[in-house]
PDB file of N, CA and C in Angstrom:
ATOM      1  N   MET A   1     -15.246   1.014   1.677  1.00  0.00           N
ATOM      2  CA  MET A   1     -14.588   0.361   0.594  1.00  0.00           C
ATOM      3  C   MET A   1     -13.794  -0.802   1.152  1.00  0.00           C
ATOM      4  N   GLY A   2     -13.541  -1.779   0.323  1.00  0.00           N
ATOM      5  CA  GLY A   2     -12.726  -2.921   0.723  1.00  0.00           C
ATOM      6  C   GLY A   2     -11.379  -2.868   0.039  1.00  0.00           C
ATOM      7  N   PHE A   3     -10.364  -3.426   0.692  1.00  0.00           N
ATOM      8  CA  PHE A   3      -9.033  -3.475   0.107  1.00  0.00           C
ATOM      9  C   PHE A   3      -8.333  -4.736   0.578  1.00  0.00           C
ATOM     10  N   SER A   4      -7.336  -5.170  -0.185  1.00  0.00           N
ATOM     11  CA  SER A   4      -6.571  -6.355   0.206  1.00  0.00           C
ATOM     12  C   SER A   4      -5.203  -6.311  -0.436  1.00  0.00           C
ATOM     13  N   THR A   5      -4.282  -7.067   0.142  1.00  0.00           N
ATOM     14  CA  THR A   5      -2.948  -7.217  -0.404  1.00  0.00           C
ATOM     15  C   THR A   5      -2.415  -8.580  -0.005  1.00  0.00           C
ATOM     16  N   ALA A   6      -1.513  -9.109  -0.806  1.00  0.00           N
ATOM     17  CA  ALA A   6      -0.864 -10.386  -0.498  1.00  0.00           C
ATOM     18  C   ALA A   6       0.624 -10.245  -0.798  1.00  0.00           C
ATOM     19  N   VAL A   7       1.450 -10.799   0.083  1.00  0.00           N
ATOM     20  CA  VAL A   7       2.896 -10.739  -0.106  1.00  0.00           C
ATOM     21  C   VAL A   7       3.498 -12.109   0.160  1.00  0.00           C
ATOM     22  N   ASP A   8       4.733 -12.271  -0.242  1.00  0.00           N
ATOM     23  CA  ASP A   8       5.457 -13.530  -0.064  1.00  0.00           C
ATOM     24  C   ASP A   8       4.657 -14.724  -0.590  1.00  0.00           C
ATOM     25  N   VAL A   9       4.044 -14.541  -1.746  1.00  0.00           N
ATOM     26  CA  VAL A   9       3.248 -15.608  -2.355  1.00  0.00           C
ATOM     27  C   VAL A   9       4.187 -16.606  -3.028  1.00  0.00           C
ATOM     28  N   CYS A  10       4.019 -17.860  -2.679  1.00  0.00           N
ATOM     29  CA  CYS A  10       4.848 -18.929  -3.247  1.00  0.00           C
ATOM     30  C   CYS A  10       3.935 -20.103  -3.603  1.00  0.00           C
ATOM     31  N   ILE A  11       3.753 -20.334  -4.895  1.00  0.00           N
ATOM     32  CA  ILE A  11       2.899 -21.425  -5.367  1.00  0.00           C
ATOM     33  C   ILE A  11       3.747 -22.694  -5.462  1.00  0.00           C
ATOM     34  N   ILE A  12       3.271 -23.751  -4.816  1.00  0.00           N
ATOM     35  CA  ILE A  12       3.975 -25.031  -4.838  1.00  0.00           C
ATOM     36  C   ILE A  12       3.121 -26.008  -5.635  1.00  0.00           C
ATOM     37  N   ARG A  13       3.422 -26.114  -6.911  1.00  0.00           N
ATOM     38  CA  ARG A  13       2.609 -26.924  -7.828  1.00  0.00           C
ATOM     39  C   ARG A  13       2.622 -28.396  -7.449  1.00  0.00           C
ATOM     40  N   GLU A  14       3.770 -28.894  -7.026  1.00  0.00           N
ATOM     41  CA  GLU A  14       3.874 -30.318  -6.701  1.00  0.00           C
ATOM     42  C   GLU A  14       2.916 -30.728  -5.581  1.00  0.00           C
ATOM     43  N   LYS A  15       2.619 -29.801  -4.697  1.00  0.00           N
ATOM     44  CA  LYS A  15       1.734 -30.092  -3.564  1.00  0.00           C
ATOM     45  C   LYS A  15       0.366 -29.437  -3.715  1.00  0.00           C
ATOM     46  N   SER A  16       0.131 -28.792  -4.835  1.00  0.00           N
ATOM     47  CA  SER A  16      -1.137 -28.086  -5.092  1.00  0.00           C
ATOM     48  C   SER A  16      -1.512 -27.164  -3.938  1.00  0.00           C
ATOM     49  N   THR A  17      -0.556 -26.327  -3.517  1.00  0.00           N
ATOM     50  CA  THR A  17      -0.821 -25.401  -2.415  1.00  0.00           C
ATOM     51  C   THR A  17      -0.087 -24.087  -2.659  1.00  0.00           C
ATOM     52  N   THR A  18      -0.436 -23.110  -1.877  1.00  0.00           N
ATOM     53  CA  THR A  18       0.182 -21.790  -1.948  1.00  0.00           C
ATOM     54  C   THR A  18       0.503 -21.317  -0.545  1.00  0.00           C
ATOM     55  N   HIS A  19       1.682 -20.755  -0.366  1.00  0.00           N
ATOM     56  CA  HIS A  19       2.065 -20.139   0.901  1.00  0.00           C
ATOM     57  C   HIS A  19       1.997 -18.627   0.693  1.00  0.00           C
ATOM     58  N   PHE A  20       1.543 -17.889   1.706  1.00  0.00           N
ATOM     59  CA  PHE A  20       1.312 -16.459   1.526  1.00  0.00           C
ATOM     60  C   PHE A  20       1.116 -15.767   2.868  1.00  0.00           C
ATOM     61  N   ARG A  21       1.130 -14.440   2.816  1.00  0.00           N
ATOM     62  CA  ARG A  21       0.666 -13.587   3.905  1.00  0.00           C
ATOM     63  C   ARG A  21      -0.289 -12.587   3.258  1.00  0.00           C
ATOM     64  N   SER A  22      -1.453 -12.362   3.879  1.00  0.00           N
ATOM     65  CA  SER A  22      -2.416 -11.434   3.283  1.00  0.00           C
ATOM     66  C   SER A  22      -3.079 -10.574   4.349  1.00  0.00           C
ATOM     67  N   LEU A  23      -3.599  -9.455   3.878  1.00  0.00           N
ATOM     68  CA  LEU A  23      -4.305  -8.507   4.734  1.00  0.00           C
ATOM     69  C   LEU A  23      -5.524  -8.020   3.970  1.00  0.00           C
ATOM     70  N   CYS A  24      -6.680  -8.026   4.615  1.00  0.00           N
ATOM     71  CA  CYS A  24      -7.917  -7.503   4.026  1.00  0.00           C
ATOM     72  C   CYS A  24      -8.521  -6.524   5.017  1.00  0.00           C
ATOM     73  N   GLY A  25      -9.204  -5.536   4.487  1.00  0.00           N
ATOM     74  CA  GLY A  25      -9.826  -4.576   5.383  1.00  0.00           C
ATOM     75  C   GLY A  25     -10.926  -3.798   4.710  1.00  0.00           C
ATOM     76  N   THR A  26     -11.599  -3.003   5.541  1.00  0.00           N
ATOM     77  CA  THR A  26     -12.629  -2.092   5.057  1.00  0.00           C
ATOM     78  C   THR A  26     -12.376  -0.727   5.678  1.00  0.00           C
ATOM     79  N   GLY A  27     -12.918   0.286   5.041  1.00  0.00           N
ATOM     80  CA  GLY A  27     -12.753   1.629   5.569  1.00  0.00           C
ATOM     81  C   GLY A  27     -13.568   2.628   4.777  1.00  0.00           C
ATOM     82  N   ARG A  28     -13.505   3.850   5.219  1.00  0.00           N
ATOM     83  CA  ARG A  28     -14.194   4.949   4.549  1.00  0.00           C
ATOM     84  C   ARG A  28     -13.187   5.753   3.741  1.00  0.00           C
ATOM     85  N   VAL A  29     -13.557   6.057   2.510  1.00  0.00           N
ATOM     86  CA  VAL A  29     -12.693   6.824   1.614  1.00  0.00           C
ATOM     87  C   VAL A  29     -13.133   8.275   1.630  1.00  0.00           C
ATOM     88  N   SER A  30     -12.152   9.174   1.699  1.00  0.00           N
ATOM     89  CA  SER A  30     -12.461  10.601   1.590  1.00  0.00           C
ATOM     90  C   SER A  30     -11.358  11.287   0.791  1.00  0.00           C
ATOM     91  N   GLU A  31     -11.729  12.322   0.076  1.00  0.00           N
ATOM     92  CA  GLU A  31     -10.754  13.079  -0.698  1.00  0.00           C
ATOM     93  C   GLU A  31     -10.025  14.042   0.227  1.00  0.00           C
ATOM     94  N   VAL A  32      -8.712  14.099   0.088  1.00  0.00           N
ATOM     95  CA  VAL A  32      -7.905  15.038   0.864  1.00  0.00           C
ATOM     96  C   VAL A  32      -7.892  16.357   0.096  1.00  0.00           C
ATOM     97  N   THR A  33      -8.397  17.417   0.734  1.00  0.00           N
ATOM     98  CA  THR A  33      -8.442  18.721   0.074  1.00  0.00           C
ATOM     99  C   THR A  33      -7.486  19.727   0.703  1.00  0.00           C
ATOM    100  N   ASP A  34      -7.068  19.489   1.927  1.00  0.00           N
ATOM    101  CA  ASP A  34      -6.130  20.380   2.605  1.00  0.00           C
ATOM    102  C   ASP A  34      -4.767  20.316   1.909  1.00  0.00           C
ATOM    103  N   THR A  35      -4.250  21.459   1.494  1.00  0.00           N
ATOM    104  CA  THR A  35      -3.008  21.521   0.722  1.00  0.00           C
ATOM    105  C   THR A  35      -1.832  20.887   1.462  1.00  0.00           C
ATOM    106  N   GLU A  36      -1.672  21.197   2.735  1.00  0.00           N
ATOM    107  CA  GLU A  36      -0.526  20.654   3.483  1.00  0.00           C
ATOM    108  C   GLU A  36      -0.651  19.152   3.708  1.00  0.00           C
ATOM    109  N   GLU A  37      -1.861  18.658   3.892  1.00  0.00           N
ATOM    110  CA  GLU A  37      -2.047  17.208   4.040  1.00  0.00           C
ATOM    111  C   GLU A  37      -1.717  16.499   2.724  1.00  0.00           C
ATOM    112  N   LYS A  38      -2.128  17.097   1.592  1.00  0.00           N
ATOM    113  CA  LYS A  38      -1.785  16.533   0.287  1.00  0.00           C
ATOM    114  C   LYS A  38      -0.269  16.512   0.096  1.00  0.00           C
ATOM    115  N   ARG A  39       0.383  17.614   0.490  1.00  0.00           N
ATOM    116  CA  ARG A  39       1.837  17.705   0.340  1.00  0.00           C
ATOM    117  C   ARG A  39       2.530  16.620   1.172  1.00  0.00           C
ATOM    118  N   ARG A  40       2.094  16.430   2.429  1.00  0.00           N
ATOM    119  CA  ARG A  40       2.687  15.396   3.286  1.00  0.00           C
ATOM    120  C   ARG A  40       2.502  14.009   2.681  1.00  0.00           C
ATOM    121  N   ALA A  41       1.313  13.767   2.123  1.00  0.00           N
ATOM    122  CA  ALA A  41       1.034  12.457   1.520  1.00  0.00           C
ATOM    123  C   ALA A  41       1.928  12.215   0.305  1.00  0.00           C
ATOM    124  N   LEU A  42       2.019  13.174  -0.591  1.00  0.00           N
ATOM    125  CA  LEU A  42       2.850  13.003  -1.784  1.00  0.00           C
ATOM    126  C   LEU A  42       4.334  12.899  -1.432  1.00  0.00           C
ATOM    127  N   ASP A  43       4.772  13.684  -0.454  1.00  0.00           N
ATOM    128  CA  ASP A  43       6.173  13.596  -0.026  1.00  0.00           C
ATOM    129  C   ASP A  43       6.472  12.223   0.566  1.00  0.00           C
ATOM    130  N   ALA A  44       5.547  11.686   1.348  1.00  0.00           N
ATOM    131  CA  ALA A  44       5.740  10.357   1.944  1.00  0.00           C
ATOM    132  C   ALA A  44       5.801   9.280   0.856  1.00  0.00           C
ATOM    133  N   ILE A  45       4.938   9.388  -0.146  1.00  0.00           N
ATOM    134  CA  ILE A  45       4.940   8.415  -1.249  1.00  0.00           C
ATOM    135  C   ILE A  45       6.256   8.508  -2.025  1.00  0.00           C
ATOM    136  N   SER A  46       6.696   9.721  -2.317  1.00  0.00           N
ATOM    137  CA  SER A  46       7.933   9.871  -3.090  1.00  0.00           C
ATOM    138  C   SER A  46       9.139   9.363  -2.302  1.00  0.00           C
ATOM    139  N   LEU A  47       9.150   9.541  -0.990  1.00  0.00           N
ATOM    140  CA  LEU A  47      10.235   8.987  -0.171  1.00  0.00           C
ATOM    141  C   LEU A  47      10.185   7.468  -0.152  1.00  0.00           C
ATOM    142  N   ARG A  48       9.006   6.912   0.001  1.00  0.00           N
ATOM    143  CA  ARG A  48       8.852   5.455   0.090  1.00  0.00           C
ATOM    144  C   ARG A  48       9.344   4.752  -1.163  1.00  0.00           C
ATOM    145  N   PHE A  49       9.066   5.346  -2.323  1.00  0.00           N
ATOM    146  CA  PHE A  49       9.412   4.712  -3.589  1.00  0.00           C
ATOM    147  C   PHE A  49      10.631   5.349  -4.258  1.00  0.00           C
ATOM    148  N   ASP A  50      11.386   6.149  -3.491  1.00  0.00           N
ATOM    149  CA  ASP A  50      12.621   6.757  -3.965  1.00  0.00           C
ATOM    150  C   ASP A  50      12.418   7.477  -5.300  1.00  0.00           C
ATOM    151  N   ALA A  51      11.332   8.238  -5.379  1.00  0.00           N
ATOM    152  CA  ALA A  51      10.988   8.963  -6.610  1.00  0.00           C
ATOM    153  C   ALA A  51      11.933  10.144  -6.815  1.00  0.00           C
ATOM    154  N   ARG A  52      12.051  10.545  -8.040  1.00  0.00           N
ATOM    155  CA  ARG A  52      12.944  11.654  -8.382  1.00  0.00           C
ATOM    156  C   ARG A  52      12.203  12.977  -8.489  1.00  0.00           C
ATOM    157  N   CYS A  53      11.048  13.074  -7.880  1.00  0.00           N
ATOM    158  CA  CYS A  53      10.285  14.325  -7.943  1.00  0.00           C
ATOM    159  C   CYS A  53      10.739  15.252  -6.808  1.00  0.00           C
ATOM    160  N   PRO A  54      10.539  16.552  -6.995  1.00  0.00           N
ATOM    161  CA  PRO A  54      11.007  17.504  -5.983  1.00  0.00           C
ATOM    162  C   PRO A  54      10.209  17.390  -4.683  1.00  0.00           C
ATOM    163  N   ARG A  55      10.926  17.594  -3.577  1.00  0.00           N
ATOM    164  CA  ARG A  55      10.298  17.635  -2.262  1.00  0.00           C
ATOM    165  C   ARG A  55      10.770  18.897  -1.572  1.00  0.00           C
ATOM    166  N   PRO A  56       9.910  19.629  -0.910  1.00  0.00           N
ATOM    167  CA  PRO A  56       8.469  19.386  -0.809  1.00  0.00           C
ATOM    168  C   PRO A  56       7.783  19.550  -2.166  1.00  0.00           C
ATOM    169  N   THR A  57       6.660  18.874  -2.298  1.00  0.00           N
ATOM    170  CA  THR A  57       5.909  18.893  -3.556  1.00  0.00           C
ATOM    171  C   THR A  57       5.484  20.325  -3.883  1.00  0.00           C
ATOM    172  N   PRO A  58       5.781  20.798  -5.088  1.00  0.00           N
ATOM    173  CA  PRO A  58       5.400  22.161  -5.485  1.00  0.00           C
ATOM    174  C   PRO A  58       3.878  22.340  -5.538  1.00  0.00           C
ATOM    175  N   ASP A  59       3.427  23.555  -5.285  1.00  0.00           N
ATOM    176  CA  ASP A  59       1.993  23.869  -5.308  1.00  0.00           C
ATOM    177  C   ASP A  59       1.353  23.514  -6.647  1.00  0.00           C
ATOM    178  N   ALA A  60       2.066  23.748  -7.760  1.00  0.00           N
ATOM    179  CA  ALA A  60       1.508  23.443  -9.084  1.00  0.00           C
ATOM    180  C   ALA A  60       1.204  21.950  -9.214  1.00  0.00           C
ATOM    181  N   ALA A  61       2.054  21.101  -8.674  1.00  0.00           N
ATOM    182  CA  ALA A  61       1.814  19.657  -8.719  1.00  0.00           C
ATOM    183  C   ALA A  61       0.629  19.283  -7.840  1.00  0.00           C
ATOM    184  N   LEU A  62       0.515  19.901  -6.681  1.00  0.00           N
ATOM    185  CA  LEU A  62      -0.606  19.614  -5.776  1.00  0.00           C
ATOM    186  C   LEU A  62      -1.941  19.925  -6.437  1.00  0.00           C
ATOM    187  N   ALA A  63      -1.980  20.963  -7.241  1.00  0.00           N
ATOM    188  CA  ALA A  63      -3.225  21.366  -7.901  1.00  0.00           C
ATOM    189  C   ALA A  63      -3.669  20.343  -8.947  1.00  0.00           C
ATOM    190  N   ARG A  64      -2.728  19.529  -9.464  1.00  0.00           N
ATOM    191  CA  ARG A  64      -3.046  18.565 -10.520  1.00  0.00           C
ATOM    192  C   ARG A  64      -3.307  17.159  -9.996  1.00  0.00           C
ATOM    193  N   VAL A  65      -3.204  16.955  -8.682  1.00  0.00           N
ATOM    194  CA  VAL A  65      -3.285  15.610  -8.118  1.00  0.00           C
ATOM    195  C   VAL A  65      -4.426  15.514  -7.119  1.00  0.00           C
ATOM    196  N   ASN A  66      -5.156  14.393  -7.177  1.00  0.00           N
ATOM    197  CA  ASN A  66      -6.154  14.093  -6.155  1.00  0.00           C
ATOM    198  C   ASN A  66      -5.593  13.009  -5.245  1.00  0.00           C
ATOM    199  N   ILE A  67      -5.770  13.180  -3.955  1.00  0.00           N
ATOM    200  CA  ILE A  67      -5.323  12.204  -2.962  1.00  0.00           C
ATOM    201  C   ILE A  67      -6.566  11.673  -2.252  1.00  0.00           C
ATOM    202  N   LEU A  68      -6.662  10.355  -2.151  1.00  0.00           N
ATOM    203  CA  LEU A  68      -7.746   9.719  -1.414  1.00  0.00           C
ATOM    204  C   LEU A  68      -7.176   9.086  -0.148  1.00  0.00           C
ATOM    205  N   ARG A  69      -7.857   9.288   0.961  1.00  0.00           N
ATOM    206  CA  ARG A  69      -7.448   8.725   2.246  1.00  0.00           C
ATOM    207  C   ARG A  69      -8.424   7.626   2.624  1.00  0.00           C
ATOM    208  N   ILE A  70      -7.893   6.520   3.136  1.00  0.00           N
ATOM    209  CA  ILE A  70      -8.743   5.450   3.658  1.00  0.00           C
ATOM    210  C   ILE A  70      -8.636   5.469   5.177  1.00  0.00           C
ATOM    211  N   ASP A  71      -9.744   5.748   5.850  1.00  0.00           N
ATOM    212  CA  ASP A  71      -9.809   5.647   7.302  1.00  0.00           C
ATOM    213  C   ASP A  71     -10.251   4.230   7.616  1.00  0.00           C
ATOM    214  N   VAL A  72      -9.296   3.410   8.066  1.00  0.00           N
ATOM    215  CA  VAL A  72      -9.519   1.976   8.254  1.00  0.00           C
ATOM    216  C   VAL A  72     -10.511   1.730   9.385  1.00  0.00           C
ATOM    217  N   GLU A  73     -11.490   0.868   9.111  1.00  0.00           N
ATOM    218  CA  GLU A  73     -12.495   0.488  10.108  1.00  0.00           C
ATOM    219  C   GLU A  73     -12.304  -0.939  10.604  1.00  0.00           C
ATOM    220  N   SER A  74     -11.821  -1.830   9.730  1.00  0.00           N
ATOM    221  CA  SER A  74     -11.591  -3.217  10.151  1.00  0.00           C
ATOM    222  C   SER A  74     -10.447  -3.815   9.359  1.00  0.00           C
ATOM    223  N   LEU A  75      -9.721  -4.721  10.008  1.00  0.00           N
ATOM    224  CA  LEU A  75      -8.613  -5.432   9.374  1.00  0.00           C
ATOM    225  C   LEU A  75      -8.669  -6.902   9.756  1.00  0.00           C
ATOM    226  N   THR A  76      -8.258  -7.740   8.844  1.00  0.00           N
ATOM    227  CA  THR A  76      -8.084  -9.154   9.135  1.00  0.00           C
ATOM    228  C   THR A  76      -6.886  -9.637   8.332  1.00  0.00           C
ATOM    229  N   CYS A  77      -6.182 -10.597   8.892  1.00  0.00           N
ATOM    230  CA  CYS A  77      -5.032 -11.111   8.165  1.00  0.00           C
ATOM    231  C   CYS A  77      -5.065 -12.630   8.157  1.00  0.00           C
ATOM    232  N   ARG A  78      -4.305 -13.176   7.242  1.00  0.00           N
ATOM    233  CA  ARG A  78      -4.249 -14.615   7.109  1.00  0.00           C
ATOM    234  C   ARG A  78      -2.875 -14.980   6.565  1.00  0.00           C
ATOM    235  N   HIS A  79      -2.393 -16.138   6.953  1.00  0.00           N
ATOM    236  CA  HIS A  79      -1.120 -16.581   6.403  1.00  0.00           C
ATOM    237  C   HIS A  79      -1.060 -18.096   6.371  1.00  0.00           C
ATOM    238  N   LYS A  80      -0.288 -18.567   5.454  1.00  0.00           N
ATOM    239  CA  LYS A  80       0.007 -19.994   5.385  1.00  0.00           C
ATOM    240  C   LYS A  80       1.514 -20.081   5.245  1.00  0.00           C
ATOM    241  N   ASN A  81       2.170 -20.536   6.298  1.00  0.00           N
ATOM    242  CA  ASN A  81       3.630 -20.573   6.327  1.00  0.00           C
ATOM    243  C   ASN A  81       4.174 -21.714   5.502  1.00  0.00           C
ATOM    244  N   GLY A  82       5.331 -21.485   5.000  1.00  0.00           N
ATOM    245  CA  GLY A  82       6.063 -22.498   4.262  1.00  0.00           C
ATOM    246  C   GLY A  82       7.507 -22.093   4.221  1.00  0.00           C
ATOM    247  N   PRO A  83       8.281 -22.749   3.422  1.00  0.00           N
ATOM    248  CA  PRO A  83       9.688 -22.376   3.329  1.00  0.00           C
ATOM    249  C   PRO A  83       9.818 -20.978   2.740  1.00  0.00           C
ATOM    250  N   ARG A  84      10.743 -20.195   3.282  1.00  0.00           N
ATOM    251  CA  ARG A  84      10.956 -18.848   2.777  1.00  0.00           C
ATOM    252  C   ARG A  84      11.562 -18.916   1.376  1.00  0.00           C
ATOM    253  N   ARG A  85      11.176 -17.956   0.560  1.00  0.00           N
ATOM    254  CA  ARG A  85      11.754 -17.893  -0.778  1.00  0.00           C
ATOM    255  C   ARG A  85      13.238 -17.560  -0.664  1.00  0.00           C
ATOM    256  N   LYS A  86      14.032 -18.108  -1.540  1.00  0.00           N
ATOM    257  CA  LYS A  86      15.485 -17.917  -1.472  1.00  0.00           C
ATOM    258  C   LYS A  86      15.874 -16.456  -1.593  1.00  0.00           C
ATOM    259  N   ASP A  87      15.138 -15.661  -2.398  1.00  0.00           N
ATOM    260  CA  ASP A  87      15.494 -14.249  -2.561  1.00  0.00           C
ATOM    261  C   ASP A  87      15.114 -13.414  -1.342  1.00  0.00           C
ATOM    262  N   LYS A  88      14.400 -13.984  -0.369  1.00  0.00           N
ATOM    263  CA  LYS A  88      14.014 -13.276   0.852  1.00  0.00           C
ATOM    264  C   LYS A  88      14.974 -13.564   1.998  1.00  0.00           C
ATOM    265  N   GLU A  89      15.871 -14.521   1.850  1.00  0.00           N
ATOM    266  CA  GLU A  89      16.783 -14.900   2.934  1.00  0.00           C
ATOM    267  C   GLU A  89      17.937 -13.942   3.043  1.00  0.00           C
TER     268      GLU A  89
END
């Protein structure tokens, strides 16, 4: 499967250009079926996004959720530097 993300995107209309940082990659997708691996994944996501869900994730919640893992095979990145956005300083 392929995936990509872009951050710090700043469109400069006056110069008809865009400044950005991006990452693209490919990998193999597999479903996580091991209960403890699913729990670790959901706990990590809830910590990252400061979620208000209980940790460790209850078994009942694990039974209702599918987790997909991407085993990354290739990565490439690209950037076009420009002035930093004021809210990033």
